[in-house]
Full PDB file with SEQRES, HELIX, SHEET, SSBOND, CRYST1, ORIGX, SCALE, CONECT and MASTER records, all heavy atoms in Angstrom:
SEQRES   1 A   40  LEU ARG GLY GLN GLU ALA VAL LEU GLN MET GLY ALA VAL          
SEQRES   2 A   40  ARG LEU THR LEU PRO VAL ALA ARG LEU GLN PRO ARG PRO          
SEQRES   3 A   40  ALA PRO ARG PRO GLU PRO SER ALA GLY ARG VAL ALA HIS          
SEQRES   4 A   40  LYS                                                          
HELIX    1 AA1 VAL A   19  ARG A   21  5                                   3    
SHEET    1 AA1 2 GLU A   5  MET A  10  0                                        
SHEET    2 AA1 2 VAL A  13  PRO A  18 -1                                        
CRYST1    1.000    1.000    1.000  90.00  90.00  90.00 P 1           1          
ORIGX1      1.000000  0.000000  0.000000        0.00000                         
ORIGX2      0.000000  1.000000  0.000000        0.00000                         
ORIGX3      0.000000  0.000000  1.000000        0.00000                         
SCALE1      1.000000  0.000000  0.000000        0.00000                         
SCALE2      0.000000  1.000000  0.000000        0.00000                         
SCALE3      0.000000  0.000000  1.000000        0.00000                         
ATOM      1  N   LEU A   1      10.131  -0.934  -6.727  1.00  0.00           N  
ATOM      2  CA  LEU A   1      11.000  -1.322  -7.826  1.00  0.00           C  
ATOM      3  C   LEU A   1      11.539  -2.717  -7.566  1.00  0.00           C  
ATOM      4  O   LEU A   1      12.064  -2.997  -6.485  1.00  0.00           O  
ATOM      5  CB  LEU A   1      12.165  -0.331  -7.985  1.00  0.00           C  
ATOM      6  CG  LEU A   1      11.786   1.073  -8.460  1.00  0.00           C  
ATOM      7  CD1 LEU A   1      12.996   1.996  -8.383  1.00  0.00           C  
ATOM      8  CD2 LEU A   1      11.241   1.029  -9.872  1.00  0.00           C  
ATOM      9  N   ARG A   2      11.398  -3.615  -8.587  1.00  0.00           N  
ATOM     10  CA  ARG A   2      11.868  -5.002  -8.473  1.00  0.00           C  
ATOM     11  C   ARG A   2      12.802  -5.299  -9.654  1.00  0.00           C  
ATOM     12  O   ARG A   2      12.425  -5.971 -10.608  1.00  0.00           O  
ATOM     13  CB  ARG A   2      10.700  -5.976  -8.478  1.00  0.00           C  
ATOM     14  CG  ARG A   2       9.727  -5.782  -7.321  1.00  0.00           C  
ATOM     15  CD  ARG A   2       8.546  -6.715  -7.472  1.00  0.00           C  
ATOM     16  NE  ARG A   2       7.577  -6.550  -6.397  1.00  0.00           N  
ATOM     17  CZ  ARG A   2       6.382  -7.147  -6.366  1.00  0.00           C  
ATOM     18  NH1 ARG A   2       6.022  -7.946  -7.374  1.00  0.00           N  
ATOM     19  NH2 ARG A   2       5.564  -6.935  -5.362  1.00  0.00           N  
ATOM     20  N   GLY A   3      14.013  -4.812  -9.598  1.00  0.00           N  
ATOM     21  CA  GLY A   3      14.956  -5.029 -10.691  1.00  0.00           C  
ATOM     22  C   GLY A   3      14.507  -4.316 -11.944  1.00  0.00           C  
ATOM     23  O   GLY A   3      14.452  -3.088 -11.992  1.00  0.00           O  
ATOM     24  N   GLN A   4      14.161  -5.123 -13.014  1.00  0.00           N  
ATOM     25  CA  GLN A   4      13.739  -4.570 -14.289  1.00  0.00           C  
ATOM     26  C   GLN A   4      12.239  -4.327 -14.358  1.00  0.00           C  
ATOM     27  O   GLN A   4      11.713  -3.984 -15.418  1.00  0.00           O  
ATOM     28  CB  GLN A   4      14.154  -5.510 -15.430  1.00  0.00           C  
ATOM     29  CG  GLN A   4      15.655  -5.703 -15.565  1.00  0.00           C  
ATOM     30  CD  GLN A   4      16.365  -4.390 -15.868  1.00  0.00           C  
ATOM     31  OE1 GLN A   4      15.892  -3.580 -16.658  1.00  0.00           O  
ATOM     32  NE2 GLN A   4      17.509  -4.172 -15.214  1.00  0.00           N  
ATOM     33  N   GLU A   5      11.513  -4.518 -13.270  1.00  0.00           N  
ATOM     34  CA  GLU A   5      10.069  -4.313 -13.220  1.00  0.00           C  
ATOM     35  C   GLU A   5       9.724  -3.315 -12.135  1.00  0.00           C  
ATOM     36  O   GLU A   5      10.472  -3.156 -11.153  1.00  0.00           O  
ATOM     37  CB  GLU A   5       9.341  -5.630 -12.963  1.00  0.00           C  
ATOM     38  CG  GLU A   5       9.464  -6.623 -14.110  1.00  0.00           C  
ATOM     39  CD  GLU A   5       8.649  -7.885 -13.866  1.00  0.00           C  
ATOM     40  OE1 GLU A   5       8.372  -8.198 -12.689  1.00  0.00           O  
ATOM     41  OE2 GLU A   5       8.302  -8.550 -14.861  1.00  0.00           O  
ATOM     42  N   ALA A   6       8.587  -2.669 -12.312  1.00  0.00           N  
ATOM     43  CA  ALA A   6       8.114  -1.691 -11.337  1.00  0.00           C  
ATOM     44  C   ALA A   6       6.664  -1.990 -10.996  1.00  0.00           C  
ATOM     45  O   ALA A   6       5.872  -2.338 -11.875  1.00  0.00           O  
ATOM     46  CB  ALA A   6       8.248  -0.277 -11.890  1.00  0.00           C  
ATOM     47  N   VAL A   7       6.326  -1.837  -9.687  1.00  0.00           N  
ATOM     48  CA  VAL A   7       4.944  -1.994  -9.237  1.00  0.00           C  
ATOM     49  C   VAL A   7       4.321  -0.625  -9.218  1.00  0.00           C  
ATOM     50  O   VAL A   7       4.856   0.302  -8.590  1.00  0.00           O  
ATOM     51  CB  VAL A   7       4.874  -2.660  -7.859  1.00  0.00           C  
ATOM     52  CG1 VAL A   7       3.421  -2.823  -7.422  1.00  0.00           C  
ATOM     53  CG2 VAL A   7       5.581  -4.012  -7.889  1.00  0.00           C  
ATOM     54  N   LEU A   8       3.199  -0.488  -9.950  1.00  0.00           N  
ATOM     55  CA  LEU A   8       2.547   0.809 -10.113  1.00  0.00           C  
ATOM     56  C   LEU A   8       1.195   0.809  -9.437  1.00  0.00           C  
ATOM     57  O   LEU A   8       0.508  -0.221  -9.371  1.00  0.00           O  
ATOM     58  CB  LEU A   8       2.370   1.120 -11.607  1.00  0.00           C  
ATOM     59  CG  LEU A   8       3.623   1.017 -12.497  1.00  0.00           C  
ATOM     60  CD1 LEU A   8       3.236   1.281 -13.939  1.00  0.00           C  
ATOM     61  CD2 LEU A   8       4.689   1.976 -12.038  1.00  0.00           C  
ATOM     62  N   GLN A   9       0.808   2.014  -8.965  1.00  0.00           N  
ATOM     63  CA  GLN A   9      -0.543   2.222  -8.440  1.00  0.00           C  
ATOM     64  C   GLN A   9      -1.239   3.161  -9.395  1.00  0.00           C  
ATOM     65  O   GLN A   9      -0.823   4.300  -9.578  1.00  0.00           O  
ATOM     66  CB  GLN A   9      -0.492   2.818  -7.024  1.00  0.00           C  
ATOM     67  CG  GLN A   9      -1.869   2.927  -6.381  1.00  0.00           C  
ATOM     68  CD  GLN A   9      -2.457   1.562  -6.022  1.00  0.00           C  
ATOM     69  OE1 GLN A   9      -1.720   0.688  -5.562  1.00  0.00           O  
ATOM     70  NE2 GLN A   9      -3.739   1.386  -6.228  1.00  0.00           N  
ATOM     71  N   MET A  10      -2.329   2.637 -10.022  1.00  0.00           N  
ATOM     72  CA  MET A  10      -3.088   3.430 -10.989  1.00  0.00           C  
ATOM     73  C   MET A  10      -4.523   3.472 -10.523  1.00  0.00           C  
ATOM     74  O   MET A  10      -5.318   2.578 -10.794  1.00  0.00           O  
ATOM     75  CB  MET A  10      -2.996   2.820 -12.385  1.00  0.00           C  
ATOM     76  CG  MET A  10      -3.612   3.678 -13.479  1.00  0.00           C  
ATOM     77  SD  MET A  10      -3.335   2.904 -15.105  1.00  0.00           S  
ATOM     78  CE  MET A  10      -4.072   4.162 -16.147  1.00  0.00           C  
ATOM     79  N   GLY A  11      -4.859   4.506  -9.766  1.00  0.00           N  
ATOM     80  CA  GLY A  11      -6.176   4.559  -9.162  1.00  0.00           C  
ATOM     81  C   GLY A  11      -6.329   3.435  -8.154  1.00  0.00           C  
ATOM     82  O   GLY A  11      -5.509   3.257  -7.241  1.00  0.00           O  
ATOM     83  N   ALA A  12      -7.376   2.626  -8.348  1.00  0.00           N  
ATOM     84  CA  ALA A  12      -7.598   1.495  -7.450  1.00  0.00           C  
ATOM     85  C   ALA A  12      -6.901   0.235  -7.926  1.00  0.00           C  
ATOM     86  O   ALA A  12      -7.026  -0.821  -7.314  1.00  0.00           O  
ATOM     87  CB  ALA A  12      -9.099   1.231  -7.329  1.00  0.00           C  
ATOM     88  N   VAL A  13      -6.137   0.327  -9.027  1.00  0.00           N  
ATOM     89  CA  VAL A  13      -5.528  -0.841  -9.636  1.00  0.00           C  
ATOM     90  C   VAL A  13      -4.025  -0.817  -9.406  1.00  0.00           C  
ATOM     91  O   VAL A  13      -3.373   0.224  -9.564  1.00  0.00           O  
ATOM     92  CB  VAL A  13      -5.822  -0.883 -11.144  1.00  0.00           C  
ATOM     93  CG1 VAL A  13      -5.167  -2.096 -11.781  1.00  0.00           C  
ATOM     94  CG2 VAL A  13      -7.320  -0.899 -11.397  1.00  0.00           C  
ATOM     95  N   ARG A  14      -3.448  -1.949  -9.023  1.00  0.00           N  
ATOM     96  CA  ARG A  14      -2.008  -2.106  -8.867  1.00  0.00           C  
ATOM     97  C   ARG A  14      -1.506  -3.018  -9.989  1.00  0.00           C  
ATOM     98  O   ARG A  14      -1.995  -4.129 -10.169  1.00  0.00           O  
ATOM     99  CB  ARG A  14      -1.671  -2.696  -7.509  1.00  0.00           C  
ATOM    100  CG  ARG A  14      -0.172  -2.890  -7.289  1.00  0.00           C  
ATOM    101  CD  ARG A  14       0.173  -3.128  -5.849  1.00  0.00           C  
ATOM    102  NE  ARG A  14      -0.015  -1.914  -5.062  1.00  0.00           N  
ATOM    103  CZ  ARG A  14       0.479  -1.708  -3.835  1.00  0.00           C  
ATOM    104  NH1 ARG A  14       1.199  -2.655  -3.261  1.00  0.00           N  
ATOM    105  NH2 ARG A  14       0.244  -0.601  -3.175  1.00  0.00           N  
ATOM    106  N   LEU A  15      -0.476  -2.532 -10.703  1.00  0.00           N  
ATOM    107  CA  LEU A  15       0.045  -3.235 -11.861  1.00  0.00           C  
ATOM    108  C   LEU A  15       1.540  -3.449 -11.728  1.00  0.00           C  
ATOM    109  O   LEU A  15       2.230  -2.687 -11.029  1.00  0.00           O  
ATOM    110  CB  LEU A  15      -0.206  -2.443 -13.150  1.00  0.00           C  
ATOM    111  CG  LEU A  15      -1.649  -2.032 -13.447  1.00  0.00           C  
ATOM    112  CD1 LEU A  15      -1.664  -1.096 -14.646  1.00  0.00           C  
ATOM    113  CD2 LEU A  15      -2.494  -3.256 -13.706  1.00  0.00           C  
ATOM    114  N   THR A  16       2.057  -4.468 -12.445  1.00  0.00           N  
ATOM    115  CA  THR A  16       3.488  -4.718 -12.530  1.00  0.00           C  
ATOM    116  C   THR A  16       3.881  -4.703 -13.996  1.00  0.00           C  
ATOM    117  O   THR A  16       3.348  -5.493 -14.788  1.00  0.00           O  
ATOM    118  CB  THR A  16       3.853  -6.069 -11.902  1.00  0.00           C  
ATOM    119  OG1 THR A  16       3.464  -6.067 -10.532  1.00  0.00           O  
ATOM    120  CG2 THR A  16       5.353  -6.321 -12.005  1.00  0.00           C  
ATOM    121  N   LEU A  17       4.826  -3.767 -14.355  1.00  0.00           N  
ATOM    122  CA  LEU A  17       5.222  -3.614 -15.744  1.00  0.00           C  
ATOM    123  C   LEU A  17       6.739  -3.511 -15.853  1.00  0.00           C  
ATOM    124  O   LEU A  17       7.414  -3.102 -14.890  1.00  0.00           O  
ATOM    125  CB  LEU A  17       4.600  -2.356 -16.363  1.00  0.00           C  
ATOM    126  CG  LEU A  17       3.074  -2.357 -16.551  1.00  0.00           C  
ATOM    127  CD1 LEU A  17       2.622  -0.991 -17.027  1.00  0.00           C  
ATOM    128  CD2 LEU A  17       2.655  -3.431 -17.527  1.00  0.00           C  
ATOM    129  N   PRO A  18       7.328  -3.845 -17.038  1.00  0.00           N  
ATOM    130  CA  PRO A  18       8.769  -3.644 -17.240  1.00  0.00           C  
ATOM    131  C   PRO A  18       9.120  -2.160 -17.142  1.00  0.00           C  
ATOM    132  O   PRO A  18       8.382  -1.289 -17.626  1.00  0.00           O  
ATOM    133  CB  PRO A  18       9.009  -4.183 -18.646  1.00  0.00           C  
ATOM    134  CG  PRO A  18       7.879  -5.119 -18.885  1.00  0.00           C  
ATOM    135  CD  PRO A  18       6.712  -4.539 -18.164  1.00  0.00           C  
ATOM    136  N   VAL A  19      10.293  -1.879 -16.548  1.00  0.00           N  
ATOM    137  CA  VAL A  19      10.738  -0.500 -16.371  1.00  0.00           C  
ATOM    138  C   VAL A  19      10.942   0.179 -17.717  1.00  0.00           C  
ATOM    139  O   VAL A  19      10.668   1.373 -17.879  1.00  0.00           O  
ATOM    140  CB  VAL A  19      12.048  -0.484 -15.539  1.00  0.00           C  
ATOM    141  CG1 VAL A  19      12.652   0.926 -15.494  1.00  0.00           C  
ATOM    142  CG2 VAL A  19      11.793  -0.999 -14.142  1.00  0.00           C  
ATOM    143  N   ALA A  20      11.387  -0.603 -18.736  1.00  0.00           N  
ATOM    144  CA  ALA A  20      11.697  -0.006 -20.027  1.00  0.00           C  
ATOM    145  C   ALA A  20      10.475   0.585 -20.699  1.00  0.00           C  
ATOM    146  O   ALA A  20      10.602   1.397 -21.614  1.00  0.00           O  
ATOM    147  CB  ALA A  20      12.338  -1.051 -20.925  1.00  0.00           C  
ATOM    148  N   ARG A  21       9.293   0.185 -20.299  1.00  0.00           N  
ATOM    149  CA  ARG A  21       8.058   0.668 -20.937  1.00  0.00           C  
ATOM    150  C   ARG A  21       7.461   1.871 -20.218  1.00  0.00           C  
ATOM    151  O   ARG A  21       6.375   2.313 -20.571  1.00  0.00           O  
ATOM    152  CB  ARG A  21       7.036  -0.469 -21.002  1.00  0.00           C  
ATOM    153  CG  ARG A  21       7.461  -1.578 -21.970  1.00  0.00           C  
ATOM    154  CD  ARG A  21       6.714  -2.856 -21.742  1.00  0.00           C  
ATOM    155  NE  ARG A  21       5.279  -2.710 -21.867  1.00  0.00           N  
ATOM    156  CZ  ARG A  21       4.396  -3.689 -21.655  1.00  0.00           C  
ATOM    157  NH1 ARG A  21       4.855  -4.888 -21.312  1.00  0.00           N  
ATOM    158  NH2 ARG A  21       3.115  -3.483 -21.778  1.00  0.00           N  
ATOM    159  N   LEU A  22       8.125   2.384 -19.205  1.00  0.00           N  
ATOM    160  CA  LEU A  22       7.579   3.486 -18.405  1.00  0.00           C  
ATOM    161  C   LEU A  22       8.283   4.792 -18.756  1.00  0.00           C  
ATOM    162  O   LEU A  22       9.491   4.808 -19.038  1.00  0.00           O  
ATOM    163  CB  LEU A  22       7.719   3.189 -16.921  1.00  0.00           C  
ATOM    164  CG  LEU A  22       7.095   1.856 -16.464  1.00  0.00           C  
ATOM    165  CD1 LEU A  22       7.369   1.645 -14.987  1.00  0.00           C  
ATOM    166  CD2 LEU A  22       5.602   1.840 -16.747  1.00  0.00           C  
ATOM    167  N   GLN A  23       7.546   5.898 -18.738  1.00  0.00           N  
ATOM    168  CA  GLN A  23       8.075   7.231 -19.012  1.00  0.00           C  
ATOM    169  C   GLN A  23       7.838   8.120 -17.792  1.00  0.00           C  
ATOM    170  O   GLN A  23       6.703   8.458 -17.469  1.00  0.00           O  
ATOM    171  CB  GLN A  23       7.385   7.832 -20.242  1.00  0.00           C  
ATOM    172  CG  GLN A  23       7.639   7.066 -21.534  1.00  0.00           C  
ATOM    173  CD  GLN A  23       9.090   7.127 -21.922  1.00  0.00           C  
ATOM    174  OE1 GLN A  23       9.752   8.159 -21.763  1.00  0.00           O  
ATOM    175  NE2 GLN A  23       9.608   6.006 -22.406  1.00  0.00           N  
ATOM    176  N   PRO A  24       8.927   8.472 -17.088  1.00  0.00           N  
ATOM    177  CA  PRO A  24       8.756   9.342 -15.901  1.00  0.00           C  
ATOM    178  C   PRO A  24       8.162  10.693 -16.306  1.00  0.00           C  
ATOM    179  O   PRO A  24       8.490  11.259 -17.339  1.00  0.00           O  
ATOM    180  CB  PRO A  24      10.177   9.498 -15.361  1.00  0.00           C  
ATOM    181  CG  PRO A  24      10.938   8.352 -15.957  1.00  0.00           C  
ATOM    182  CD  PRO A  24      10.330   8.090 -17.281  1.00  0.00           C  
ATOM    183  N   ARG A  25       7.271  11.191 -15.478  1.00  0.00           N  
ATOM    184  CA  ARG A  25       6.672  12.503 -15.660  1.00  0.00           C  
ATOM    185  C   ARG A  25       6.713  13.230 -14.323  1.00  0.00           C  
ATOM    186  O   ARG A  25       6.563  12.602 -13.268  1.00  0.00           O  
ATOM    187  CB  ARG A  25       5.214  12.390 -16.137  1.00  0.00           C  
ATOM    188  CG  ARG A  25       5.072  11.856 -17.566  1.00  0.00           C  
ATOM    189  CD  ARG A  25       5.526  12.932 -18.556  1.00  0.00           C  
ATOM    190  NE  ARG A  25       5.330  12.471 -19.919  1.00  0.00           N  
ATOM    191  CZ  ARG A  25       6.233  11.813 -20.624  1.00  0.00           C  
ATOM    192  NH1 ARG A  25       7.416  11.532 -20.059  1.00  0.00           N  
ATOM    193  NH2 ARG A  25       5.998  11.450 -21.857  1.00  0.00           N  
ATOM    194  N   PRO A  26       6.893  14.552 -14.362  1.00  0.00           N  
ATOM    195  CA  PRO A  26       6.860  15.304 -13.078  1.00  0.00           C  
ATOM    196  C   PRO A  26       5.484  15.215 -12.447  1.00  0.00           C  
ATOM    197  O   PRO A  26       4.469  15.308 -13.141  1.00  0.00           O  
ATOM    198  CB  PRO A  26       7.213  16.732 -13.501  1.00  0.00           C  
ATOM    199  CG  PRO A  26       6.887  16.798 -14.965  1.00  0.00           C  
ATOM    200  CD  PRO A  26       7.142  15.445 -15.519  1.00  0.00           C  
ATOM    201  N   ALA A  27       5.472  14.946 -11.161  1.00  0.00           N  
ATOM    202  CA  ALA A  27       4.194  14.799 -10.439  1.00  0.00           C  
ATOM    203  C   ALA A  27       3.474  16.131 -10.388  1.00  0.00           C  
ATOM    204  O   ALA A  27       4.075  17.155 -10.051  1.00  0.00           O  
ATOM    205  CB  ALA A  27       4.438  14.284  -9.024  1.00  0.00           C  
ATOM    206  N   PRO A  28       2.202  16.174 -10.757  1.00  0.00           N  
ATOM    207  CA  PRO A  28       1.451  17.451 -10.697  1.00  0.00           C  
ATOM    208  C   PRO A  28       1.224  17.890  -9.247  1.00  0.00           C  
ATOM    209  O   PRO A  28       1.094  17.067  -8.364  1.00  0.00           O  
ATOM    210  CB  PRO A  28       0.131  17.099 -11.401  1.00  0.00           C  
ATOM    211  CG  PRO A  28      -0.008  15.632 -11.208  1.00  0.00           C  
ATOM    212  CD  PRO A  28       1.377  15.064 -11.190  1.00  0.00           C  
ATOM    213  N   ARG A  29       1.207  19.216  -9.094  1.00  0.00           N  
ATOM    214  CA  ARG A  29       0.935  19.747  -7.752  1.00  0.00           C  
ATOM    215  C   ARG A  29      -0.522  19.512  -7.384  1.00  0.00           C  
ATOM    216  O   ARG A  29      -1.398  19.740  -8.176  1.00  0.00           O  
ATOM    217  CB  ARG A  29       1.215  21.251  -7.723  1.00  0.00           C  
ATOM    218  CG  ARG A  29       2.685  21.584  -7.937  1.00  0.00           C  
ATOM    219  CD  ARG A  29       2.881  23.077  -7.900  1.00  0.00           C  
ATOM    220  NE  ARG A  29       4.279  23.423  -8.112  1.00  0.00           N  
ATOM    221  CZ  ARG A  29       4.720  24.694  -8.137  1.00  0.00           C  
ATOM    222  NH1 ARG A  29       3.858  25.708  -7.976  1.00  0.00           N  
ATOM    223  NH2 ARG A  29       6.013  24.928  -8.323  1.00  0.00           N  
ATOM    224  N   PRO A  30      -0.761  19.065  -6.152  1.00  0.00           N  
ATOM    225  CA  PRO A  30      -2.156  18.848  -5.727  1.00  0.00           C  
ATOM    226  C   PRO A  30      -2.911  20.156  -5.608  1.00  0.00           C  
ATOM    227  O   PRO A  30      -2.378  21.156  -5.139  1.00  0.00           O  
ATOM    228  CB  PRO A  30      -2.005  18.141  -4.388  1.00  0.00           C  
ATOM    229  CG  PRO A  30      -0.670  18.550  -3.892  1.00  0.00           C  
ATOM    230  CD  PRO A  30       0.211  18.761  -5.065  1.00  0.00           C  
ATOM    231  N   GLU A  31      -4.132  20.160  -6.078  1.00  0.00           N  
ATOM    232  CA  GLU A  31      -4.994  21.338  -5.956  1.00  0.00           C  
ATOM    233  C   GLU A  31      -5.504  21.426  -4.531  1.00  0.00           C  
ATOM    234  O   GLU A  31      -5.653  20.411  -3.848  1.00  0.00           O  
ATOM    235  CB  GLU A  31      -6.175  21.219  -6.923  1.00  0.00           C  
ATOM    236  CG  GLU A  31      -5.717  21.188  -8.380  1.00  0.00           C  
ATOM    237  CD  GLU A  31      -6.905  21.041  -9.307  1.00  0.00           C  
ATOM    238  OE1 GLU A  31      -8.041  21.060  -8.795  1.00  0.00           O  
ATOM    239  OE2 GLU A  31      -6.703  20.922 -10.524  1.00  0.00           O  
ATOM    240  N   PRO A  32      -5.819  22.630  -4.054  1.00  0.00           N  
ATOM    241  CA  PRO A  32      -6.288  22.787  -2.660  1.00  0.00           C  
ATOM    242  C   PRO A  32      -7.553  22.017  -2.394  1.00  0.00           C  
ATOM    243  O   PRO A  32      -7.778  21.549  -1.294  1.00  0.00           O  
ATOM    244  CB  PRO A  32      -6.514  24.306  -2.544  1.00  0.00           C  
ATOM    245  CG  PRO A  32      -5.677  24.909  -3.629  1.00  0.00           C  
ATOM    246  CD  PRO A  32      -5.595  23.924  -4.719  1.00  0.00           C  
ATOM    247  N   SER A  33      -8.411  21.846  -3.378  1.00  0.00           N  
ATOM    248  CA  SER A  33      -9.694  21.176  -3.124  1.00  0.00           C  
ATOM    249  C   SER A  33      -9.598  19.678  -3.224  1.00  0.00           C  
ATOM    250  O   SER A  33     -10.581  18.995  -3.020  1.00  0.00           O  
ATOM    251  CB  SER A  33     -10.746  21.686  -4.116  1.00  0.00           C  
ATOM    252  OG  SER A  33     -10.305  21.395  -5.426  1.00  0.00           O  
ATOM    253  N   ALA A  34      -8.439  19.180  -3.562  1.00  0.00           N  
ATOM    254  CA  ALA A  34      -8.327  17.725  -3.717  1.00  0.00           C  
ATOM    255  C   ALA A  34      -7.037  17.263  -3.104  1.00  0.00           C  
ATOM    256  O   ALA A  34      -5.987  17.838  -3.336  1.00  0.00           O  
ATOM    257  CB  ALA A  34      -8.372  17.341  -5.186  1.00  0.00           C  
ATOM    258  N   GLY A  35      -7.129  16.240  -2.320  1.00  0.00           N  
ATOM    259  CA  GLY A  35      -5.946  15.691  -1.678  1.00  0.00           C  
ATOM    260  C   GLY A  35      -5.341  14.552  -2.457  1.00  0.00           C  
ATOM    261  O   GLY A  35      -4.346  13.984  -2.049  1.00  0.00           O  
ATOM    262  N   ARG A  36      -5.914  14.169  -3.590  1.00  0.00           N  
ATOM    263  CA  ARG A  36      -5.397  13.069  -4.389  1.00  0.00           C  
ATOM    264  C   ARG A  36      -5.115  13.549  -5.808  1.00  0.00           C  
ATOM    265  O   ARG A  36      -5.670  14.535  -6.269  1.00  0.00           O  
ATOM    266  CB  ARG A  36      -6.403  11.919  -4.428  1.00  0.00           C  
ATOM    267  CG  ARG A  36      -6.758  11.414  -3.027  1.00  0.00           C  
ATOM    268  CD  ARG A  36      -7.872  10.408  -3.091  1.00  0.00           C  
ATOM    269  NE  ARG A  36      -7.436   9.206  -3.790  1.00  0.00           N  
ATOM    270  CZ  ARG A  36      -8.242   8.156  -4.015  1.00  0.00           C  
ATOM    271  NH1 ARG A  36      -9.469   8.191  -3.598  1.00  0.00           N  
ATOM    272  NH2 ARG A  36      -7.781   7.117  -4.652  1.00  0.00           N  
ATOM    273  N   VAL A  37      -4.237  12.832  -6.466  1.00  0.00           N  
ATOM    274  CA  VAL A  37      -3.865  13.187  -7.830  1.00  0.00           C  
ATOM    275  C   VAL A  37      -4.882  12.595  -8.801  1.00  0.00           C  
ATOM    276  O   VAL A  37      -5.193  11.404  -8.723  1.00  0.00           O  
ATOM    277  CB  VAL A  37      -2.450  12.655  -8.158  1.00  0.00           C  
ATOM    278  CG1 VAL A  37      -2.089  12.972  -9.596  1.00  0.00           C  
ATOM    279  CG2 VAL A  37      -1.432  13.264  -7.216  1.00  0.00           C  
ATOM    280  N   ALA A  38      -5.427  13.399  -9.716  1.00  0.00           N  
ATOM    281  CA  ALA A  38      -6.352  12.918 -10.757  1.00  0.00           C  
ATOM    282  C   ALA A  38      -5.548  12.539 -11.997  1.00  0.00           C  
ATOM    283  O   ALA A  38      -4.754  13.330 -12.475  1.00  0.00           O  
ATOM    284  CB  ALA A  38      -7.377  13.996 -11.101  1.00  0.00           C  
ATOM    285  N   HIS A  39      -5.722  11.367 -12.459  1.00  0.00           N  
ATOM    286  CA  HIS A  39      -4.977  10.865 -13.620  1.00  0.00           C  
ATOM    287  C   HIS A  39      -5.887  10.874 -14.836  1.00  0.00           C  
ATOM    288  O   HIS A  39      -6.966  10.285 -14.802  1.00  0.00           O  
ATOM    289  CB  HIS A  39      -4.492   9.430 -13.357  1.00  0.00           C  
ATOM    290  CG  HIS A  39      -3.624   9.319 -12.135  1.00  0.00           C  
ATOM    291  ND1 HIS A  39      -2.312   9.720 -12.114  1.00  0.00           N  
ATOM    292  CD2 HIS A  39      -3.892   8.862 -10.881  1.00  0.00           C  
ATOM    293  CE1 HIS A  39      -1.793   9.500 -10.918  1.00  0.00           C  
ATOM    294  NE2 HIS A  39      -2.752   8.999 -10.146  1.00  0.00           N  
ATOM    295  N   LYS A  40      -5.413  11.548 -15.844  1.00  0.00           N  
ATOM    296  CA  LYS A  40      -6.177  11.579 -17.083  1.00  0.00           C  
ATOM    297  C   LYS A  40      -6.063  10.240 -17.790  1.00  0.00           C  
ATOM    298  O   LYS A  40      -4.971   9.724 -17.960  1.00  0.00           O  
ATOM    299  CB  LYS A  40      -5.655  12.684 -17.995  1.00  0.00           C  
ATOM    300  CG  LYS A  40      -5.834  14.080 -17.426  1.00  0.00           C  
ATOM    301  CD  LYS A  40      -7.283  14.486 -17.334  1.00  0.00           C  
ATOM    302  CE  LYS A  40      -7.441  15.914 -16.851  1.00  0.00           C  
ATOM    303  NZ  LYS A  40      -8.863  16.296 -16.777  1.00  0.00           N  
TER     304      LYS A  40                                                      
MASTER        0    0    0    1    2    0    0    6  303    1    0    4          
END                                                                             
């Protein structure tokens, strides 16, 4: 978090966006067969 901006990790891509444009969501529970979160 950088003041009014947030650094995001989206797969292999790292982005910087204004905080006002982001919507928090509860993190999904990891499935036993996968150690990483799959993003639709």
